Amino acid sequence: MERSFVPALRVPFLTPFFDPFMRAFMPEHRIKRDLAEWALASDIKKLLDFGCGTGTLALIVKQSRPDIEVSGLDVDPAVLEIAKSKAAKRAAGIDFQGYDGGGFPYADGSYDAILSSFVFHHLLDDEKIAALREIRRVLRRGGSLYLADFDRSSNILLRLAFELPRTLDGRDRTRANALGLIPSMLHDAGFGEVRRHGRYATLFGEVSLFEARIHAEGGGRP
């Protein structure tokens, strides 16, 4: 059954303005560059960008490591068209695919690493867990998920700043982020070691980078 989704800027007609918006109001490139560099420090041959959006993160990875096989997956056909156009202009050779929001169209253990940026605050709690379980399924043994998203801050001003995204994207969808529950959800989905790598103050709240690793003996279906 196809699930509903929240478009990149909440309403579909704003999707073409997503990249300029992120450049203007978020340290997007720095966060995604740091996320990619963290992932690429390990031995990787195949990498998936889950919720790839307009392809910015996948392109950063491919430009840094042309030898890596990079795929992108997203539920929104409008952002996928933008991603494909950007990749074609750079002859980047990235495999962008759409899906229905349910099971991923990949076999168990297909990827060495999966990256995801600014996706999970758009998902309801059960959708977050379902997506994390699919991510775990398609990661190889010893693989990792590298995730960037909004997180609970110790700074009251940054917590207040996150109220705008919470209002726009839905308080139920952003609840886990606001409460700092992403690490516990990663554990609930079957990941072992979870590490936080970096925090970023933005106009819309605090963003954290997480790595969730699958132990060498624990890949595949949970």
Protein backbone atom coordinates (compact mmCIF):
# COMPACT_ATOMS: atom_id res chain seq x y z
CA MET A 1 0.00 0.00 0.00
CA GLU A 2 1.46 3.34 -1.03
CA ARG A 3 2.08 5.70 1.86
CA SER A 4 1.52 9.43 1.84
CA PHE A 5 4.60 11.64 2.12
CA VAL A 6 5.50 15.20 3.02
CA PRO A 7 7.01 17.05 0.01
CA ALA A 8 10.42 18.65 0.45
CA LEU A 9 9.03 22.10 1.34
CA ARG A 10 5.67 20.85 2.60
CA VAL A 11 3.67 21.69 -0.55
CA PRO A 12 4.43 20.29 -4.05
CA PHE A 13 4.56 23.59 -5.95
CA LEU A 14 7.54 24.69 -3.80
CA THR A 15 9.66 21.63 -4.67
CA PRO A 16 11.62 23.41 -7.47
CA PHE A 17 12.76 25.95 -4.87
CA PHE A 18 14.11 23.36 -2.42
CA ASP A 19 17.78 23.61 -3.42
CA PRO A 20 17.88 27.44 -3.32
CA PHE A 21 16.06 27.39 0.02
CA MET A 22 18.56 24.98 1.56
CA ARG A 23 21.51 26.99 0.27
CA ALA A 24 20.05 30.20 1.68
CA PHE A 25 18.81 29.08 5.09
CA MET A 26 20.62 25.86 6.07
CA PRO A 27 24.31 24.85 6.22
CA GLU A 28 23.27 21.98 3.96
CA HIS A 29 26.51 21.46 2.07
CA ARG A 30 28.66 21.47 5.21
CA ILE A 31 26.41 18.96 6.97
CA LYS A 32 26.15 16.65 3.96
CA ARG A 33 29.87 16.94 3.19
CA ASP A 34 30.73 16.00 6.78
CA LEU A 35 28.25 13.10 6.68
CA ALA A 36 29.76 11.84 3.41
CA GLU A 37 33.35 12.19 4.67
CA TRP A 38 32.50 10.22 7.81
CA ALA A 39 30.98 7.41 5.76
CA LEU A 40 33.74 7.38 3.16
CA ALA A 41 36.43 6.94 5.80
CA SER A 42 35.52 3.23 5.82
CA ASP A 43 35.91 0.66 3.04
CA ILE A 44 32.84 1.11 0.85
CA LYS A 45 32.02 -0.17 -2.63
CA LYS A 46 28.22 0.28 -2.72
CA LEU A 47 26.31 3.10 -1.04
CA LEU A 48 22.63 4.07 -0.90
CA ASP A 49 21.25 7.54 -0.20
CA PHE A 50 17.85 6.87 1.40
CA GLY A 51 15.40 9.73 0.91
CA CYS A 52 17.85 11.19 -1.59
CA GLY A 53 15.66 14.18 -2.45
CA THR A 54 17.24 16.33 -5.15
CA GLY A 55 20.44 14.26 -5.09
CA THR A 56 22.80 16.71 -3.39
CA LEU A 57 24.26 14.17 -0.95
CA ALA A 58 24.56 11.40 -3.54
CA LEU A 59 26.43 13.81 -5.84
CA ILE A 60 28.82 14.82 -3.05
CA VAL A 61 29.62 11.14 -2.50
CA LYS A 62 30.08 10.39 -6.20
CA GLN A 63 32.26 13.42 -6.80
CA SER A 64 34.43 12.50 -3.82
CA ARG A 65 34.67 8.82 -4.75
CA PRO A 66 33.84 8.14 -8.42
CA ASP A 67 34.78 4.48 -7.91
CA ILE A 68 31.84 3.85 -5.55
CA GLU A 69 28.53 2.52 -6.88
CA VAL A 70 25.97 5.07 -5.62
CA SER A 71 22.18 4.67 -5.60
CA GLY A 72 19.44 7.05 -4.49
CA LEU A 73 15.94 6.14 -3.28
CA ASP A 74 12.99 8.47 -2.72
CA VAL A 75 9.21 8.31 -2.60
CA ASP A 76 8.69 11.73 -4.26
CA PRO A 77 8.83 11.60 -8.09
CA ALA A 78 9.24 15.38 -8.37
CA VAL A 79 12.50 15.50 -6.40
CA LEU A 80 13.77 12.42 -8.25
CA GLU A 81 13.40 14.23 -11.57
CA ILE A 82 15.53 17.08 -10.22
CA ALA A 83 18.11 14.60 -8.90
CA LYS A 84 18.31 12.77 -12.22
CA SER A 85 18.74 16.06 -14.10
CA LYS A 86 21.56 17.20 -11.78
CA ALA A 87 23.34 13.85 -12.10
CA ALA A 88 22.98 13.82 -15.89
CA LYS A 89 24.54 17.29 -16.18
CA ARG A 90 27.56 16.04 -14.21
CA ALA A 91 27.63 12.63 -15.91
CA ALA A 92 27.66 11.24 -12.37
CA GLY A 93 26.23 7.77 -13.10
CA ILE A 94 23.99 7.54 -10.03
CA ASP A 95 21.07 5.08 -10.02
CA PHE A 96 18.05 7.02 -8.72
CA GLN A 97 14.90 5.00 -8.06
CA GLY A 98 11.43 5.66 -6.74
CA TYR A 99 9.43 3.39 -4.43
CA ASP A 100 6.06 3.32 -2.68
CA GLY A 101 7.24 4.04 0.87
CA GLY A 102 7.14 0.37 1.89
CA GLY A 103 9.79 -2.26 1.25
CA PHE A 104 13.00 -1.19 -0.47
CA PRO A 105 13.54 -2.61 -3.98
CA TYR A 106 16.88 -4.20 -3.01
CA ALA A 107 18.01 -7.61 -1.82
CA ASP A 108 19.24 -8.33 1.70
CA GLY A 109 22.80 -7.13 2.33
CA SER A 110 23.03 -5.10 -0.87
CA TYR A 111 24.94 -2.08 0.49
CA ASP A 112 28.08 -1.38 2.48
CA ALA A 113 26.71 1.92 3.80
CA ILE A 114 23.47 3.88 3.73
CA LEU A 115 23.27 7.65 4.13
CA SER A 116 20.15 9.64 4.95
CA SER A 117 19.79 13.38 5.49
CA PHE A 118 16.76 15.36 6.68
CA VAL A 119 14.34 12.52 6.01
CA PHE A 120 13.29 11.05 9.33
CA HIS A 121 11.62 14.16 10.75
CA HIS A 122 9.11 13.78 7.90
CA LEU A 123 8.09 10.27 9.01
CA LEU A 124 5.61 9.07 11.61
CA ASP A 125 7.09 6.93 14.38
CA ASP A 126 5.95 3.62 12.86
CA GLU A 127 7.27 4.75 9.47
CA LYS A 128 10.62 5.62 11.04
CA ILE A 129 10.93 2.15 12.55
CA ALA A 130 9.80 0.46 9.32
CA ALA A 131 12.34 2.44 7.28
CA LEU A 132 15.13 1.67 9.77
CA ARG A 133 14.33 -2.04 9.60
CA GLU A 134 14.49 -1.94 5.80
CA ILE A 135 17.78 -0.06 6.00
CA ARG A 136 19.14 -2.73 8.34
CA ARG A 137 17.90 -5.46 5.99
CA VAL A 138 19.68 -4.11 2.91
CA LEU A 139 22.94 -3.35 4.74
CA ARG A 140 25.65 -5.99 4.65
CA ARG A 141 27.06 -7.44 7.85
CA GLY A 142 29.33 -4.85 9.46
CA GLY A 143 27.69 -2.03 7.46
CA SER A 144 26.54 1.31 8.85
CA LEU A 145 23.77 3.86 8.50
CA TYR A 146 24.95 7.49 8.57
CA LEU A 147 22.06 9.77 9.40
CA ALA A 148 21.72 13.56 9.65
CA ASP A 149 18.54 15.04 11.08
CA PHE A 150 17.06 17.34 13.67
CA ASP A 151 17.71 16.35 17.28
CA ARG A 152 16.85 17.56 20.77
CA SER A 153 19.16 20.39 21.82
CA SER A 154 20.33 21.45 25.26
CA ASN A 155 19.96 25.03 24.01
CA ILE A 156 16.46 26.37 24.67
CA LEU A 157 16.70 28.79 21.72
CA LEU A 158 17.45 25.94 19.31
CA ARG A 159 14.57 23.92 20.76
CA LEU A 160 12.31 26.90 20.14
CA ALA A 161 13.69 27.24 16.60
CA PHE A 162 12.62 23.66 15.89
CA GLU A 163 9.01 24.64 16.62
CA LEU A 164 8.66 26.05 13.08
CA PRO A 165 9.55 22.75 11.34
CA ARG A 166 7.35 20.95 13.88
CA THR A 167 4.40 23.17 12.94
CA LEU A 168 4.98 22.77 9.20
CA ASP A 169 5.80 19.05 9.10
CA GLY A 170 3.46 17.91 11.87
CA ARG A 171 4.08 17.49 15.58
CA ASP A 172 3.44 13.75 15.41
CA ARG A 173 6.06 13.31 12.67
CA THR A 174 8.69 15.40 14.47
CA ARG A 175 8.00 14.17 18.01
CA ALA A 176 10.84 11.64 18.16
CA ASN A 177 13.34 14.22 16.89
CA ALA A 178 12.17 16.84 19.38
CA LEU A 179 12.51 14.35 22.25
CA GLY A 180 15.92 13.05 21.16
CA LEU A 181 14.60 9.53 20.52
CA ILE A 182 16.41 8.74 17.27
CA PRO A 183 19.20 6.73 18.99
CA SER A 184 16.67 4.57 20.88
CA MET A 185 14.73 4.00 17.64
CA LEU A 186 17.94 2.84 15.98
CA HIS A 187 18.43 0.30 18.75
CA ASP A 188 14.76 -0.76 18.53
CA ALA A 189 15.21 -1.39 14.80
CA GLY A 190 18.02 -3.84 15.50
CA PHE A 191 21.16 -1.73 15.19
CA GLY A 192 23.96 -2.29 17.67
CA GLU A 193 26.46 0.50 18.24
CA VAL A 194 25.08 4.04 17.79
CA ARG A 195 27.42 7.04 17.81
CA ARG A 196 26.77 10.77 17.49
CA HIS A 197 29.28 12.64 15.36
CA GLY A 198 28.83 16.40 15.39
CA ARG A 199 26.04 18.84 16.19
CA TYR A 200 25.08 21.82 14.05
CA ALA A 201 23.13 24.90 15.09
CA THR A 202 20.75 26.00 12.32
CA LEU A 203 17.96 28.52 11.92
CA PHE A 204 15.45 25.69 12.36
CA GLY A 205 16.97 23.81 15.28
CA GLU A 206 19.89 21.56 16.10
CA VAL A 207 21.03 18.86 13.67
CA SER A 208 23.01 15.79 14.74
CA LEU A 209 24.96 13.25 12.73
CA PHE A 210 24.55 9.62 13.82
CA GLU A 211 26.23 6.37 12.84
CA ALA A 212 24.33 3.16 13.55
CA ARG A 213 26.43 0.06 12.94
CA ILE A 214 25.42 -3.53 12.34
CA HIS A 215 27.72 -5.96 14.10
CA ALA A 216 29.57 -8.32 11.76
CA GLU A 217 27.43 -11.25 12.90
CA GLY A 218 24.12 -9.34 12.77
CA GLY A 219 23.31 -8.26 9.22
CA GLY A 220 20.23 -9.09 7.17
CA ARG A 221 16.70 -9.27 8.47
CA PRO A 222 16.18 -8.51 12.19
